[in-house]
Amino acid sequence: TNGDLPPSPTNYNNILFSNGTGSTASYPNADLTLAGNLTVDGGGTVSNPDNRNITVGGNFNISGGSTYNAGNGTLSIGGNFTGSATYTFNANGATMPITGRLTNTSTFNANTSTITISGADGGAPNYSFANTGTFNAGTGTVIFSGGSAQTLGGSLTTFNNLTINKSSNNLTLAGSTNQQVNGTLTLTSGNIITGSNALILGSTSTAVSYTHLRAHETPEHLVCR
């Protein structure tokens, strides 16, 4: 579509927003369910002004200089969140469970959102959380969950709150890049394996627990500033 979605239907297979630069397409005041993929690539803006819940059974794809405003409902993604080239994704105050991986190559504004990532490591560069763009943490929270081995990689990402709550396996800092937490680091269940990298706790950070850091990691791999 190159404009607003109609109030009905509320169930779709795939949706492609192709509205161009300078235009805004909006969701209706209704919760929507997609069996397949949601793609935003026309260069315009897509907004959720009524903060409705959007359930995407497949992948969420954004590119082409587009802007997406998630609103304050739930944006549930059954596959991967994949950003390509340039775009701006505003998570606003959304709750975002992502069954797959999150890949950011441009601008991702976490705002006040809660983002839960359950996807397994796909091998470099397809990390569970792969950021090579700009990730603005805001006051949001990122949670790594699920039973698969997960990775955090790409460029240095500064998180506000970071939570590890896994039913099994661990989160590994992949590649050769440090990562940073400026808010609260919560280690509920599962290990963070830093390897040769460092997990940096900023001057405003609070670590709830260190018990799930791998015991053999040397002290310099957890750096408090």
C-alpha atoms as a PDB file:
ATOM      1  CA  THR A   1       0.000   0.000   0.000  1.00  0.00           C
ATOM      2  CA  ASN A   2       1.085   3.601  -0.570  1.00  0.00           C
ATOM      3  CA  GLY A   3      -1.365   5.050   1.964  1.00  0.00           C
ATOM      4  CA  ASP A   4      -3.341   4.335   5.136  1.00  0.00           C
ATOM      5  CA  LEU A   5      -4.581   0.820   5.796  1.00  0.00           C
ATOM      6  CA  PRO A   6      -8.395   0.483   5.891  1.00  0.00           C
ATOM      7  CA  PRO A   7     -10.199  -0.475   9.134  1.00  0.00           C
ATOM      8  CA  SER A   8     -10.793  -3.954   7.712  1.00  0.00           C
ATOM      9  CA  PRO A   9      -9.592  -6.582   7.144  1.00  0.00           C
ATOM     10  CA  THR A  10      -7.471  -7.058  10.244  1.00  0.00           C
ATOM     11  CA  ASN A  11      -5.769 -10.254   9.059  1.00  0.00           C
ATOM     12  CA  TYR A  12      -3.209 -10.241   6.260  1.00  0.00           C
ATOM     13  CA  ASN A  13      -0.621 -12.472   4.681  1.00  0.00           C
ATOM     14  CA  ASN A  14       2.078  -9.883   3.844  1.00  0.00           C
ATOM     15  CA  ILE A  15       2.010  -6.077   3.967  1.00  0.00           C
ATOM     16  CA  LEU A  16       4.306  -3.811   1.940  1.00  0.00           C
ATOM     17  CA  PHE A  17       4.300  -0.086   2.742  1.00  0.00           C
ATOM     18  CA  SER A  18       5.591   1.691  -0.359  1.00  0.00           C
ATOM     19  CA  ASN A  19       4.517   5.270   0.355  1.00  0.00           C
ATOM     20  CA  GLY A  20       7.146   7.752  -0.773  1.00  0.00           C
ATOM     21  CA  THR A  21       9.275  10.424   0.862  1.00  0.00           C
ATOM     22  CA  GLY A  22       7.255  13.113   2.617  1.00  0.00           C
ATOM     23  CA  SER A  23       4.111  10.982   2.985  1.00  0.00           C
ATOM     24  CA  THR A  24       2.717   9.148   6.022  1.00  0.00           C
ATOM     25  CA  ALA A  25       0.778   5.893   6.033  1.00  0.00           C
ATOM     26  CA  SER A  26      -1.063   4.954   9.219  1.00  0.00           C
ATOM     27  CA  TYR A  27      -2.503   1.830  10.747  1.00  0.00           C
ATOM     28  CA  PRO A  28      -6.233   1.819  11.508  1.00  0.00           C
ATOM     29  CA  ASN A  29      -7.556   1.852  15.084  1.00  0.00           C
ATOM     30  CA  ALA A  30      -7.550  -1.951  15.176  1.00  0.00           C
ATOM     31  CA  ASP A  31      -5.130  -4.725  16.123  1.00  0.00           C
ATOM     32  CA  LEU A  32      -3.606  -6.405  13.060  1.00  0.00           C
ATOM     33  CA  THR A  33      -2.240  -9.898  12.445  1.00  0.00           C
ATOM     34  CA  LEU A  34       0.066 -10.846   9.566  1.00  0.00           C
ATOM     35  CA  ALA A  35       0.815 -14.458   8.724  1.00  0.00           C
ATOM     36  CA  GLY A  36       3.845 -13.408   6.691  1.00  0.00           C
ATOM     37  CA  ASN A  37       6.177 -10.399   6.443  1.00  0.00           C
ATOM     38  CA  LEU A  38       5.858  -6.671   7.090  1.00  0.00           C
ATOM     39  CA  THR A  39       8.048  -4.582   4.768  1.00  0.00           C
ATOM     40  CA  VAL A  40       8.587  -0.804   4.829  1.00  0.00           C
ATOM     41  CA  ASP A  41      10.718   0.440   1.946  1.00  0.00           C
ATOM     42  CA  GLY A  42       9.102   3.347   0.116  1.00  0.00           C
ATOM     43  CA  GLY A  43      10.995   6.149   1.835  1.00  0.00           C
ATOM     44  CA  GLY A  44       7.957   7.548   3.635  1.00  0.00           C
ATOM     45  CA  THR A  45       6.725   7.267   7.221  1.00  0.00           C
ATOM     46  CA  VAL A  46       4.552   4.525   8.704  1.00  0.00           C
ATOM     47  CA  SER A  47       2.843   5.322  12.017  1.00  0.00           C
ATOM     48  CA  ASN A  48       0.709   3.585  14.617  1.00  0.00           C
ATOM     49  CA  PRO A  49      -1.144   6.611  16.048  1.00  0.00           C
ATOM     50  CA  ASP A  50      -3.642   4.588  18.102  1.00  0.00           C
ATOM     51  CA  ASN A  51      -0.975   2.354  19.671  1.00  0.00           C
ATOM     52  CA  ARG A  52      -2.536  -0.846  18.370  1.00  0.00           C
ATOM     53  CA  ASN A  53      -0.981  -4.307  18.636  1.00  0.00           C
ATOM     54  CA  ILE A  54       0.699  -5.549  15.444  1.00  0.00           C
ATOM     55  CA  THR A  55       1.514  -9.273  15.199  1.00  0.00           C
ATOM     56  CA  VAL A  56       3.907 -10.247  12.405  1.00  0.00           C
ATOM     57  CA  GLY A  57       4.231 -13.982  11.888  1.00  0.00           C
ATOM     58  CA  GLY A  58       7.261 -13.640   9.611  1.00  0.00           C
ATOM     59  CA  ASN A  59       9.973 -11.007   9.249  1.00  0.00           C
ATOM     60  CA  PHE A  60       9.941  -7.241   9.757  1.00  0.00           C
ATOM     61  CA  ASN A  61      11.994  -5.511   7.036  1.00  0.00           C
ATOM     62  CA  ILE A  62      12.769  -1.802   6.788  1.00  0.00           C
ATOM     63  CA  SER A  63      14.924   0.051   4.248  1.00  0.00           C
ATOM     64  CA  GLY A  64      14.873   2.732   1.565  1.00  0.00           C
ATOM     65  CA  GLY A  65      15.117   5.785   3.808  1.00  0.00           C
ATOM     66  CA  SER A  66      11.801   4.938   5.469  1.00  0.00           C
ATOM     67  CA  THR A  67      10.685   5.884   8.980  1.00  0.00           C
ATOM     68  CA  TYR A  68       8.612   3.600  11.204  1.00  0.00           C
ATOM     69  CA  ASN A  69       6.868   4.732  14.397  1.00  0.00           C
ATOM     70  CA  ALA A  70       5.902   1.654  16.419  1.00  0.00           C
ATOM     71  CA  GLY A  71       3.659   3.397  18.952  1.00  0.00           C
ATOM     72  CA  ASN A  72       3.057   2.122  22.458  1.00  0.00           C
ATOM     73  CA  GLY A  73       1.343  -1.193  21.765  1.00  0.00           C
ATOM     74  CA  THR A  74       2.925  -4.585  21.118  1.00  0.00           C
ATOM     75  CA  LEU A  75       4.912  -5.220  17.943  1.00  0.00           C
ATOM     76  CA  SER A  76       5.399  -8.985  17.924  1.00  0.00           C
ATOM     77  CA  ILE A  77       7.795 -10.369  15.299  1.00  0.00           C
ATOM     78  CA  GLY A  78       7.779 -14.113  14.668  1.00  0.00           C
ATOM     79  CA  GLY A  79      10.887 -14.000  12.479  1.00  0.00           C
ATOM     80  CA  ASN A  80      13.758 -11.525  12.200  1.00  0.00           C
ATOM     81  CA  PHE A  81      13.912  -7.740  12.435  1.00  0.00           C
ATOM     82  CA  THR A  82      16.115  -6.740   9.504  1.00  0.00           C
ATOM     83  CA  GLY A  83      17.135  -3.207   8.653  1.00  0.00           C
ATOM     84  CA  SER A  84      18.964  -2.601   5.369  1.00  0.00           C
ATOM     85  CA  ALA A  85      20.766   0.506   4.104  1.00  0.00           C
ATOM     86  CA  THR A  86      19.188   3.667   5.572  1.00  0.00           C
ATOM     87  CA  TYR A  87      16.037   4.096   7.672  1.00  0.00           C
ATOM     88  CA  THR A  88      14.842   5.327  11.057  1.00  0.00           C
ATOM     89  CA  PHE A  89      13.013   2.953  13.373  1.00  0.00           C
ATOM     90  CA  ASN A  90      11.357   4.542  16.405  1.00  0.00           C
ATOM     91  CA  ALA A  91      10.372   1.892  18.925  1.00  0.00           C
ATOM     92  CA  ASN A  92       8.544   4.494  21.048  1.00  0.00           C
ATOM     93  CA  GLY A  93       7.069   2.710  24.092  1.00  0.00           C
ATOM     94  CA  ALA A  94       6.358  -0.565  22.337  1.00  0.00           C
ATOM     95  CA  THR A  95       6.752  -4.048  23.739  1.00  0.00           C
ATOM     96  CA  MET A  96       8.723  -5.923  21.087  1.00  0.00           C
ATOM     97  CA  PRO A  97       9.150  -9.700  21.375  1.00  0.00           C
ATOM     98  CA  ILE A  98      11.345 -10.894  18.477  1.00  0.00           C
ATOM     99  CA  THR A  99      11.494 -14.654  17.960  1.00  0.00           C
ATOM    100  CA  GLY A 100      14.410 -14.323  15.555  1.00  0.00           C
ATOM    101  CA  ARG A 101      17.384 -11.954  15.291  1.00  0.00           C
ATOM    102  CA  LEU A 102      17.671  -8.154  15.280  1.00  0.00           C
ATOM    103  CA  THR A 103      19.916  -6.539  12.637  1.00  0.00           C
ATOM    104  CA  ASN A 104      20.370  -2.762  12.652  1.00  0.00           C
ATOM    105  CA  THR A 105      22.349  -1.007   9.926  1.00  0.00           C
ATOM    106  CA  SER A 106      20.993   2.540  10.234  1.00  0.00           C
ATOM    107  CA  THR A 107      19.120   4.350  13.042  1.00  0.00           C
ATOM    108  CA  PHE A 108      17.241   2.450  15.726  1.00  0.00           C
ATOM    109  CA  ASN A 109      15.746   4.579  18.511  1.00  0.00           C
ATOM    110  CA  ALA A 110      14.783   2.343  21.424  1.00  0.00           C
ATOM    111  CA  ASN A 111      13.043   5.183  23.297  1.00  0.00           C
ATOM    112  CA  THR A 112      11.161   3.633  26.275  1.00  0.00           C
ATOM    113  CA  SER A 113      10.550   0.231  24.662  1.00  0.00           C
ATOM    114  CA  THR A 114      11.149  -3.289  25.934  1.00  0.00           C
ATOM    115  CA  ILE A 115      12.751  -5.496  23.274  1.00  0.00           C
ATOM    116  CA  THR A 116      13.053  -9.240  23.864  1.00  0.00           C
ATOM    117  CA  ILE A 117      15.283 -11.211  21.491  1.00  0.00           C
ATOM    118  CA  SER A 118      15.022 -14.998  21.395  1.00  0.00           C
ATOM    119  CA  GLY A 119      16.814 -15.754  18.128  1.00  0.00           C
ATOM    120  CA  ALA A 120      19.790 -18.083  17.919  1.00  0.00           C
ATOM    121  CA  ASP A 121      23.192 -17.062  16.616  1.00  0.00           C
ATOM    122  CA  GLY A 122      23.252 -17.379  12.836  1.00  0.00           C
ATOM    123  CA  GLY A 123      27.036 -17.162  12.483  1.00  0.00           C
ATOM    124  CA  ALA A 124      28.924 -13.956  11.699  1.00  0.00           C
ATOM    125  CA  PRO A 125      27.640 -11.443  10.744  1.00  0.00           C
ATOM    126  CA  ASN A 126      24.172 -12.809  11.544  1.00  0.00           C
ATOM    127  CA  TYR A 127      24.403 -12.386  15.298  1.00  0.00           C
ATOM    128  CA  SER A 128      21.322 -12.574  17.509  1.00  0.00           C
ATOM    129  CA  PHE A 129      21.761  -8.806  17.952  1.00  0.00           C
ATOM    130  CA  ALA A 130      23.874  -7.267  15.197  1.00  0.00           C
ATOM    131  CA  ASN A 131      24.334  -3.506  15.236  1.00  0.00           C
ATOM    132  CA  THR A 132      26.475  -1.756  12.656  1.00  0.00           C
ATOM    133  CA  GLY A 133      24.425   1.434  12.647  1.00  0.00           C
ATOM    134  CA  THR A 134      23.280   3.809  15.385  1.00  0.00           C
ATOM    135  CA  PHE A 135      21.417   2.311  18.330  1.00  0.00           C
ATOM    136  CA  ASN A 136      20.037   5.035  20.603  1.00  0.00           C
ATOM    137  CA  ALA A 137      19.170   3.256  23.835  1.00  0.00           C
ATOM    138  CA  GLY A 138      16.946   5.923  25.381  1.00  0.00           C
ATOM    139  CA  THR A 139      15.499   4.559  28.621  1.00  0.00           C
ATOM    140  CA  GLY A 140      14.598   1.230  27.052  1.00  0.00           C
ATOM    141  CA  THR A 141      15.390  -2.360  27.974  1.00  0.00           C
ATOM    142  CA  VAL A 142      16.832  -5.146  25.810  1.00  0.00           C
ATOM    143  CA  ILE A 143      16.315  -8.720  26.996  1.00  0.00           C
ATOM    144  CA  PHE A 144      18.074 -11.826  25.672  1.00  0.00           C
ATOM    145  CA  SER A 145      15.927 -14.901  26.271  1.00  0.00           C
ATOM    146  CA  GLY A 146      15.155 -18.403  25.044  1.00  0.00           C
ATOM    147  CA  GLY A 147      17.101 -21.628  25.028  1.00  0.00           C
ATOM    148  CA  SER A 148      19.412 -21.095  22.046  1.00  0.00           C
ATOM    149  CA  ALA A 149      23.045 -19.993  22.089  1.00  0.00           C
ATOM    150  CA  GLN A 150      22.978 -16.250  21.343  1.00  0.00           C
ATOM    151  CA  THR A 151      25.478 -13.621  20.250  1.00  0.00           C
ATOM    152  CA  LEU A 152      25.827  -9.863  20.536  1.00  0.00           C
ATOM    153  CA  GLY A 153      28.054  -8.385  17.848  1.00  0.00           C
ATOM    154  CA  GLY A 154      28.770  -5.720  15.273  1.00  0.00           C
ATOM    155  CA  SER A 155      29.934  -2.322  16.469  1.00  0.00           C
ATOM    156  CA  LEU A 156      30.029  -1.177  20.095  1.00  0.00           C
ATOM    157  CA  THR A 157      26.455  -0.775  21.302  1.00  0.00           C
ATOM    158  CA  THR A 158      25.596   1.196  24.420  1.00  0.00           C
ATOM    159  CA  PHE A 159      22.478  -0.192  26.086  1.00  0.00           C
ATOM    160  CA  ASN A 160      20.386   1.430  28.785  1.00  0.00           C
ATOM    161  CA  ASN A 161      19.057  -1.675  30.582  1.00  0.00           C
ATOM    162  CA  LEU A 162      20.305  -5.110  29.531  1.00  0.00           C
ATOM    163  CA  THR A 163      18.781  -8.324  30.893  1.00  0.00           C
ATOM    164  CA  ILE A 164      19.929 -11.911  30.397  1.00  0.00           C
ATOM    165  CA  ASN A 165      17.082 -14.340  31.145  1.00  0.00           C
ATOM    166  CA  LYS A 166      17.710 -17.583  29.280  1.00  0.00           C
ATOM    167  CA  SER A 167      16.266 -21.039  29.873  1.00  0.00           C
ATOM    168  CA  SER A 168      19.550 -22.593  28.679  1.00  0.00           C
ATOM    169  CA  ASN A 169      22.782 -21.765  26.818  1.00  0.00           C
ATOM    170  CA  ASN A 170      24.604 -18.424  26.958  1.00  0.00           C
ATOM    171  CA  LEU A 171      25.059 -14.981  25.430  1.00  0.00           C
ATOM    172  CA  THR A 172      28.486 -14.453  23.833  1.00  0.00           C
ATOM    173  CA  LEU A 173      30.073 -11.114  22.947  1.00  0.00           C
ATOM    174  CA  ALA A 174      31.034 -11.943  19.377  1.00  0.00           C
ATOM    175  CA  GLY A 175      33.777 -10.651  17.125  1.00  0.00           C
ATOM    176  CA  SER A 176      36.332  -8.244  18.583  1.00  0.00           C
ATOM    177  CA  THR A 177      34.048  -5.507  19.899  1.00  0.00           C
ATOM    178  CA  ASN A 178      33.315  -4.399  23.449  1.00  0.00           C
ATOM    179  CA  GLN A 179      29.748  -3.660  24.546  1.00  0.00           C
ATOM    180  CA  GLN A 180      28.441  -1.221  27.166  1.00  0.00           C
ATOM    181  CA  VAL A 181      25.557  -0.890  29.635  1.00  0.00           C
ATOM    182  CA  ASN A 182      24.753   2.535  31.104  1.00  0.00           C
ATOM    183  CA  GLY A 183      21.605   1.540  32.988  1.00  0.00           C
ATOM    184  CA  THR A 184      20.888  -1.701  34.841  1.00  0.00           C
ATOM    185  CA  LEU A 185      22.568  -5.000  33.985  1.00  0.00           C
ATOM    186  CA  THR A 186      20.304  -7.815  35.188  1.00  0.00           C
ATOM    187  CA  LEU A 187      21.619 -11.379  35.062  1.00  0.00           C
ATOM    188  CA  THR A 188      18.585 -13.512  35.858  1.00  0.00           C
ATOM    189  CA  SER A 189      19.532 -16.788  34.178  1.00  0.00           C
ATOM    190  CA  GLY A 190      22.308 -17.697  31.746  1.00  0.00           C
ATOM    191  CA  ASN A 191      25.945 -16.666  31.324  1.00  0.00           C
ATOM    192  CA  ILE A 192      27.561 -13.771  29.503  1.00  0.00           C
ATOM    193  CA  ILE A 193      30.723 -15.036  27.809  1.00  0.00           C
ATOM    194  CA  THR A 194      32.950 -12.068  27.072  1.00  0.00           C
ATOM    195  CA  GLY A 195      35.895 -13.940  25.552  1.00  0.00           C
ATOM    196  CA  SER A 196      38.586 -11.392  24.704  1.00  0.00           C
ATOM    197  CA  ASN A 197      36.061  -8.538  24.719  1.00  0.00           C
ATOM    198  CA  ALA A 198      34.862  -6.375  27.623  1.00  0.00           C
ATOM    199  CA  LEU A 199      31.393  -5.656  28.934  1.00  0.00           C
ATOM    200  CA  ILE A 200      31.672  -2.058  30.087  1.00  0.00           C
ATOM    201  CA  LEU A 201      29.467  -0.752  32.882  1.00  0.00           C
ATOM    202  CA  GLY A 202      29.141   3.012  32.514  1.00  0.00           C
ATOM    203  CA  SER A 203      29.407   5.489  35.364  1.00  0.00           C
ATOM    204  CA  THR A 204      25.594   5.466  35.800  1.00  0.00           C
ATOM    205  CA  SER A 205      25.215   1.703  35.532  1.00  0.00           C
ATOM    206  CA  THR A 206      23.931  -0.646  38.229  1.00  0.00           C
ATOM    207  CA  ALA A 207      24.769  -4.358  38.064  1.00  0.00           C
ATOM    208  CA  VAL A 208      22.133  -6.432  39.834  1.00  0.00           C
ATOM    209  CA  SER A 209      24.177  -9.628  39.862  1.00  0.00           C
ATOM    210  CA  TYR A 210      27.540 -10.897  38.637  1.00  0.00           C
ATOM    211  CA  THR A 211      26.822 -14.538  39.426  1.00  0.00           C
ATOM    212  CA  HIS A 212      26.240 -15.540  35.817  1.00  0.00           C
ATOM    213  CA  LEU A 213      29.463 -14.195  34.363  1.00  0.00           C
ATOM    214  CA  ARG A 214      31.680 -17.084  33.379  1.00  0.00           C
ATOM    215  CA  ALA A 215      33.953 -17.802  36.320  1.00  0.00           C
ATOM    216  CA  HIS A 216      37.082 -18.071  34.161  1.00  0.00           C
ATOM    217  CA  GLU A 217      36.711 -14.619  32.613  1.00  0.00           C
ATOM    218  CA  THR A 218      39.464 -12.301  33.799  1.00  0.00           C
ATOM    219  CA  PRO A 219      38.454  -9.144  35.722  1.00  0.00           C
ATOM    220  CA  GLU A 220      39.386  -6.727  32.939  1.00  0.00           C
ATOM    221  CA  HIS A 221      36.553  -8.175  30.834  1.00  0.00           C
ATOM    222  CA  LEU A 222      34.022  -6.531  33.142  1.00  0.00           C
ATOM    223  CA  VAL A 223      34.984  -2.872  33.177  1.00  0.00           C
ATOM    224  CA  CYS A 224      33.296  -0.356  35.459  1.00  0.00           C
ATOM    225  CA  ARG A 225      33.596   3.303  34.571  1.00  0.00           C
END
